[in-house]
Protein backbone atom coordinates (compact mmCIF):
# COMPACT_ATOMS: atom_id res chain seq x y z
CA MET A 1 129.50 -25.26 -85.28
CA LYS A 2 127.28 -26.39 -88.13
CA ARG A 3 126.26 -24.06 -90.91
CA ILE A 4 123.10 -24.75 -92.82
CA ILE A 5 121.75 -23.27 -96.04
CA SER A 6 118.09 -23.94 -96.57
CA ALA A 7 115.90 -23.85 -99.66
CA VAL A 8 112.20 -23.88 -98.96
CA ILE A 9 109.74 -25.19 -101.50
CA ALA A 10 106.14 -24.40 -100.68
CA LEU A 11 103.38 -26.10 -102.64
CA THR A 12 99.95 -24.56 -102.25
CA LEU A 13 96.95 -26.40 -103.63
CA PHE A 14 93.77 -24.47 -104.36
CA THR A 15 90.59 -26.44 -104.91
CA SER A 16 87.67 -25.38 -107.09
CA LEU A 17 84.18 -26.62 -106.29
CA GLY A 18 81.50 -26.96 -108.94
CA LEU A 19 78.10 -25.56 -107.91
CA ALA A 20 75.00 -27.43 -108.98
CA GLY A 21 71.30 -26.59 -108.73
CA ALA A 22 68.47 -29.09 -108.53
CA SER A 23 68.51 -29.76 -112.28
CA CYS A 24 72.15 -28.99 -113.03
CA VAL A 25 75.02 -31.39 -113.55
CA PRO A 26 78.01 -30.48 -111.36
CA ILE A 27 81.14 -29.40 -113.19
CA VAL A 28 84.26 -31.22 -112.05
CA GLU A 29 87.39 -29.14 -112.48
CA ALA A 30 90.91 -30.50 -112.56
CA LYS A 31 92.64 -30.28 -109.20
CA THR A 32 95.70 -28.09 -109.40
CA GLY A 33 97.99 -26.33 -106.98
CA THR A 34 100.59 -23.60 -106.94
CA ILE A 35 104.19 -24.51 -106.29
CA GLU A 36 106.48 -21.84 -104.88
CA VAL A 37 110.23 -22.34 -104.74
CA TRP A 38 111.94 -20.35 -101.98
CA VAL A 39 115.54 -20.05 -100.84
CA THR A 40 116.86 -19.13 -97.43
CA ASP A 41 120.01 -19.39 -95.33
CA ALA A 42 121.08 -19.67 -91.73
CA PRO A 43 123.28 -17.08 -89.94
CA PRO A 44 126.73 -16.70 -91.54
CA GLY A 45 129.86 -18.24 -90.11
CA TYR A 46 133.34 -19.48 -90.90
CA GLU A 47 135.30 -17.98 -93.79
CA ILE A 48 132.63 -18.18 -96.51
CA THR A 49 131.15 -14.74 -97.15
CA SER A 50 129.16 -15.31 -100.32
CA ILE A 51 127.73 -18.17 -102.36
CA MET A 52 126.25 -16.84 -105.59
CA VAL A 53 124.08 -19.45 -107.31
CA THR A 54 122.86 -19.03 -110.88
CA VAL A 55 120.07 -21.42 -111.79
CA SER A 56 119.22 -22.15 -115.42
CA GLU A 57 116.33 -20.03 -116.66
CA GLU A 58 114.74 -23.28 -117.86
CA GLY A 59 113.42 -23.50 -114.31
CA VAL A 60 113.03 -26.01 -111.49
CA GLU A 61 111.69 -29.43 -112.43
CA ILE A 62 109.59 -31.74 -110.28
CA HIS A 63 108.72 -35.33 -111.20
CA LYS A 64 105.13 -36.54 -110.85
CA ALA A 65 104.78 -40.27 -110.27
CA VAL A 66 102.49 -42.63 -112.12
CA ALA A 67 100.03 -44.75 -110.15
CA GLU A 68 102.43 -47.69 -109.78
CA GLN A 69 105.17 -45.45 -108.39
CA GLU A 70 102.78 -43.88 -105.92
CA GLN A 71 102.20 -47.27 -104.31
CA GLU A 72 105.88 -48.22 -104.23
CA GLN A 73 107.27 -44.95 -102.89
CA GLU A 74 105.22 -44.39 -99.72
CA GLN A 75 107.57 -42.79 -97.18
CA GLU A 76 107.22 -40.57 -94.15
CA GLY A 77 109.50 -38.36 -92.05
CA GLU A 78 112.83 -36.93 -93.06
CA GLY A 79 115.44 -38.10 -95.52
CA GLU A 80 119.05 -37.19 -96.22
CA GLN A 81 120.78 -37.72 -99.55
CA ASN A 82 124.25 -36.93 -100.89
CA GLN A 83 124.03 -35.51 -104.39
CA GLU A 84 126.33 -38.05 -106.04
CA GLN A 85 126.25 -39.69 -109.45
CA ASN A 86 124.42 -42.74 -108.09
CA GLN A 87 121.36 -40.47 -107.68
CA GLU A 88 121.44 -39.74 -111.40
CA GLN A 89 121.34 -43.48 -112.12
CA GLN A 90 118.46 -43.84 -109.67
CA GLN A 91 116.55 -41.10 -111.44
CA GLU A 92 117.06 -42.68 -114.86
CA GLN A 93 115.57 -45.93 -113.58
CA GLN A 94 112.40 -44.03 -112.66
CA GLY A 95 111.70 -43.11 -116.26
CA GLU A 96 107.92 -43.27 -116.11
CA GLY A 97 105.85 -40.36 -114.95
CA GLU A 98 105.93 -36.69 -115.90
CA TRP A 99 108.47 -33.92 -115.40
CA ILE A 100 106.86 -30.55 -114.69
CA THR A 101 108.85 -27.34 -115.13
CA ILE A 102 108.43 -24.41 -112.74
CA PRO A 103 109.70 -21.19 -114.40
CA ILE A 104 112.16 -18.98 -112.54
CA THR A 105 110.40 -15.83 -111.31
CA GLY A 106 112.65 -14.62 -108.48
CA GLU A 107 116.13 -13.15 -108.34
CA ASN A 108 118.68 -15.15 -110.30
CA PRO A 109 121.53 -15.36 -109.42
CA PHE A 110 120.95 -15.20 -105.66
CA ASP A 111 123.38 -15.11 -102.73
CA LEU A 112 122.55 -17.84 -100.24
CA THR A 113 124.57 -16.17 -97.48
CA GLN A 114 122.42 -13.03 -97.70
CA LEU A 115 119.28 -14.99 -96.87
CA GLN A 116 119.68 -15.03 -93.11
CA ASP A 117 117.70 -14.89 -89.88
CA GLY A 118 114.64 -16.60 -91.31
CA LEU A 119 114.45 -14.45 -94.43
CA GLN A 120 113.33 -16.39 -97.47
CA GLN A 121 113.32 -15.45 -101.11
CA ILE A 122 111.01 -16.87 -103.74
CA LEU A 123 112.77 -18.47 -106.69
CA ALA A 124 109.99 -19.94 -108.84
CA ILE A 125 106.22 -20.37 -108.87
CA ALA A 126 103.67 -22.30 -110.95
CA GLU A 127 100.48 -24.32 -110.64
CA VAL A 128 100.82 -28.11 -110.35
CA SER A 129 98.36 -30.97 -110.15
CA ALA A 130 97.65 -32.84 -106.93
CA GLY A 131 99.34 -36.17 -106.40
CA LYS A 132 102.65 -37.79 -105.49
CA TYR A 133 105.95 -36.36 -106.66
CA THR A 134 109.24 -38.21 -106.48
CA GLN A 135 112.11 -35.87 -107.38
CA ILE A 136 113.25 -32.27 -107.67
CA ARG A 137 116.04 -31.11 -109.95
CA MET A 138 117.48 -27.93 -111.37
CA ASN A 139 120.39 -27.09 -113.63
CA VAL A 140 122.99 -24.82 -112.04
CA GLU A 141 124.88 -22.69 -114.53
CA MET A 142 127.35 -21.21 -112.07
CA VAL A 143 128.31 -21.18 -108.39
CA GLU A 144 130.72 -18.48 -107.21
CA VAL A 145 132.11 -18.80 -103.69
CA THR A 146 133.69 -15.82 -101.93
CA PHE A 147 135.74 -16.55 -98.84
CA LEU A 148 138.35 -15.06 -96.57
CA LYS A 149 141.54 -17.04 -96.10
CA GLU A 150 142.94 -17.29 -92.61
CA GLY A 151 145.46 -14.52 -91.97
CA GLU A 152 144.42 -12.50 -95.04
CA LYS A 153 142.35 -9.33 -95.22
CA ASP A 154 141.23 -9.50 -98.84
CA GLU A 155 138.45 -11.81 -99.93
CA THR A 156 138.89 -14.35 -102.71
CA THR A 157 136.17 -15.19 -105.23
CA VAL A 158 136.35 -18.37 -107.31
CA GLU A 159 133.95 -20.18 -109.59
CA ALA A 160 133.18 -23.47 -107.87
CA ARG A 161 132.87 -26.73 -109.76
CA LEU A 162 129.62 -28.63 -109.43
CA PRO A 163 130.48 -32.14 -110.68
CA SER A 164 127.10 -32.95 -112.20
CA GLY A 165 126.05 -29.39 -113.03
CA LYS A 166 122.74 -30.15 -111.35
CA LEU A 167 121.04 -30.17 -107.98
CA LYS A 168 118.96 -33.31 -107.55
CA PHE A 169 116.75 -34.35 -104.64
CA VAL A 170 115.28 -37.86 -104.79
CA ARG A 171 112.49 -38.17 -102.22
CA PRO A 172 108.73 -38.67 -102.58
CA PHE A 173 106.37 -35.92 -101.42
CA ASP A 174 102.65 -35.30 -101.80
CA VAL A 175 100.61 -32.35 -102.95
CA VAL A 176 97.43 -32.88 -100.96
CA GLU A 177 94.11 -31.45 -102.07
CA GLY A 178 93.21 -28.32 -100.12
CA GLU A 179 96.50 -28.26 -98.19
CA THR A 180 99.96 -26.76 -98.45
CA THR A 181 103.04 -28.95 -98.58
CA VAL A 182 106.36 -27.38 -97.62
CA LEU A 183 109.62 -29.07 -98.54
CA LEU A 184 112.53 -27.75 -96.50
CA LEU A 185 115.84 -28.54 -98.21
CA ASP A 186 118.75 -27.95 -95.84
CA PHE A 187 122.21 -27.81 -97.42
CA ASP A 188 125.11 -28.50 -95.09
CA VAL A 189 127.78 -26.03 -96.21
CA ASP A 190 130.53 -27.64 -94.13
CA LYS A 191 130.08 -30.86 -96.08
CA SER A 192 128.97 -29.38 -99.41
CA VAL A 193 131.75 -26.85 -100.07
CA VAL A 194 135.16 -28.47 -100.48
CA PHE A 195 138.39 -26.46 -100.69
CA THR A 196 141.00 -28.44 -102.65
CA GLY A 197 143.99 -26.45 -101.43
CA GLN A 198 144.93 -25.52 -105.00
CA GLY A 199 142.80 -22.42 -105.23
CA LYS A 200 139.81 -24.44 -106.41
CA VAL A 201 136.43 -25.06 -104.79
CA ILE A 202 134.14 -28.00 -105.42
CA VAL A 203 130.45 -27.97 -104.48
CA LYS A 204 129.04 -31.45 -103.76
CA PRO A 205 125.65 -30.68 -102.17
CA VAL A 206 124.62 -32.58 -99.06
CA VAL A 207 120.92 -32.07 -98.39
CA LYS A 208 118.42 -33.04 -95.72
CA LEU A 209 114.77 -32.91 -96.71
CA THR A 210 112.02 -32.19 -94.19
CA ILE A 211 108.37 -32.28 -95.25
CA GLN A 212 105.87 -30.00 -93.54
CA GLN A 213 102.18 -29.31 -93.96
CA GLY A 214 100.76 -25.79 -93.81
CA LYS A 215 101.57 -22.48 -95.45
CA VAL A 216 104.41 -20.71 -93.65
CA HIS A 217 105.39 -17.88 -95.97
CA GLN A 218 102.35 -15.63 -96.10
CA LEU A 219 102.87 -11.95 -96.85
CA ALA A 220 100.91 -9.22 -95.07
CA SER A 221 100.94 -5.44 -95.17
CA VAL A 222 100.37 -2.63 -92.70
CA GLU A 223 99.60 1.06 -93.27
CA GLY A 224 100.05 3.60 -90.52
CA THR A 225 102.71 5.76 -88.88
CA ILE A 226 106.26 5.08 -87.69
CA SER A 227 106.30 5.26 -83.89
CA ALA A 228 109.85 4.09 -83.23
CA VAL A 229 113.03 2.99 -84.99
CA ASP A 230 115.77 0.97 -83.30
CA THR A 231 118.89 0.93 -85.49
CA GLU A 232 120.83 -1.27 -83.05
CA GLU A 233 118.19 -4.00 -83.05
CA SER A 234 117.25 -3.28 -86.68
CA THR A 235 113.55 -2.97 -85.94
CA ILE A 236 110.81 -0.52 -86.85
CA SER A 237 107.57 -0.01 -84.92
CA ILE A 238 104.51 0.87 -86.98
CA THR A 239 101.17 1.89 -85.46
CA PRO A 240 98.39 0.86 -87.87
CA ASN A 241 95.84 3.52 -88.78
CA GLY A 242 92.98 3.56 -86.27
CA GLU A 243 94.87 1.51 -83.69
CA THR A 244 97.05 2.29 -80.67
CA GLU A 245 99.29 -0.78 -80.45
CA ALA A 246 102.32 -0.88 -82.73
CA ILE A 247 103.62 -3.79 -84.78
CA VAL A 248 107.38 -4.32 -84.45
CA LEU A 249 108.97 -5.50 -87.69
CA ASN A 250 112.49 -6.81 -88.22
CA VAL A 251 114.61 -5.09 -90.84
CA ASN A 252 117.58 -6.66 -92.62
CA PRO A 253 119.84 -5.76 -95.56
CA GLN A 254 117.35 -7.25 -98.03
CA THR A 255 114.49 -4.99 -96.87
CA GLU A 256 113.71 -2.40 -99.55
CA ILE A 257 113.29 1.03 -97.94
CA THR A 258 112.18 4.27 -99.58
CA LEU A 259 111.60 7.72 -98.10
CA ASP A 260 109.53 10.16 -100.15
CA GLY A 261 110.05 7.95 -103.17
CA GLU A 262 113.84 7.83 -102.86
CA GLU A 263 115.99 4.88 -101.81
CA ALA A 264 116.80 5.08 -98.11
CA ILE A 265 118.21 3.17 -95.14
CA LEU A 266 116.76 2.54 -91.70
CA ASP A 267 118.73 5.44 -90.16
CA ASP A 268 116.88 7.85 -92.46
CA LEU A 269 113.59 7.02 -90.72
CA THR A 270 114.70 7.80 -87.16
CA GLU A 271 113.63 11.46 -87.02
CA LEU A 272 110.55 11.74 -89.20
CA GLY A 273 108.39 13.10 -86.38
CA GLU A 274 104.61 13.16 -86.05
CA GLY A 275 102.53 13.20 -89.19
CA ASN A 276 104.65 10.68 -91.09
CA SER A 277 103.04 7.82 -92.97
CA VAL A 278 104.26 4.40 -93.98
CA ILE A 279 103.21 1.26 -95.82
CA ALA A 280 105.16 -1.91 -95.08
CA SER A 281 105.04 -5.50 -96.33
CA TYR A 282 106.22 -8.34 -94.11
CA TYR A 283 106.09 -12.09 -93.53
CA LEU A 284 103.48 -13.17 -91.00
CA ASN A 285 105.51 -16.11 -89.72
CA ASN A 286 108.62 -14.13 -88.67
CA LEU A 287 107.65 -10.42 -88.95
CA LYS A 288 110.47 -9.79 -91.41
CA ALA A 289 109.86 -6.61 -93.39
CA THR A 290 110.32 -7.02 -97.13
CA GLN A 291 109.48 -3.44 -98.14
CA ILE A 292 108.99 -0.15 -96.31
CA ASP A 293 107.67 2.95 -98.09
CA ALA A 294 107.72 6.01 -95.80
CA GLN A 295 106.55 9.58 -96.33
CA SER A 296 107.77 12.63 -94.41
CA PRO A 297 105.23 14.77 -92.52
CA PRO A 298 103.64 17.44 -94.72
CA GLU A 299 105.22 20.86 -94.37
């Protein structure tokens, strides 16, 4: 069985259009976009129970190519790179261009194994200019791996060694005017996490990069009443105000739930009865609820 950890980087480019009348000169604005760094994981497996990653607060860096590099680095499809020292040498050879820093805005550290079943978590966001980019890199301050040894009941947590102290992805990608570019970075845990047998763990990331077009992580919200709760399937059905058909949302451990302003769990919402009210936020692409705020029926 193969276990994959995925980090999703969504780049959204918004275009401004200058308006001109008959005697006006059109105003040309610089073309910029918004880059969003997301992290996600596949369903858990094997003995690894937690991978806590702490990224440097300096942020995620992306490298924008100069015109000459844009012509030389035309590539399509998918690419797979081992994060070895030869990549660092390759990066140094590509000295021209501009490094752009995306500040960390999401949770840091984050547990990759908690981002399951299509759930994604934003890591960083910033506006960037349109054009061709060649590399992505980030400094990793700490990686803690928690695992369960065969035949033992108690988990073991160790600080893993990342040889370079960085995550580097060398692969050209474009930010296209008026479009969204999604970079899906899949980490193969089986190949990336190495147990030395001496109580030490080494993380040597193996990553496969897939480039997609189109925004896939759009948040939506719904306001209405709770019509059903299924704790076994971890779902909640919400009937929007003024409608009769319910929306079924998936709930996971990362979903923030409150009841009457207090922290709650899904079980607490099973017997609210008629007259309850709820506001929920969720991802349009997978109907994963990120937040549920419920109110009990008035007395």
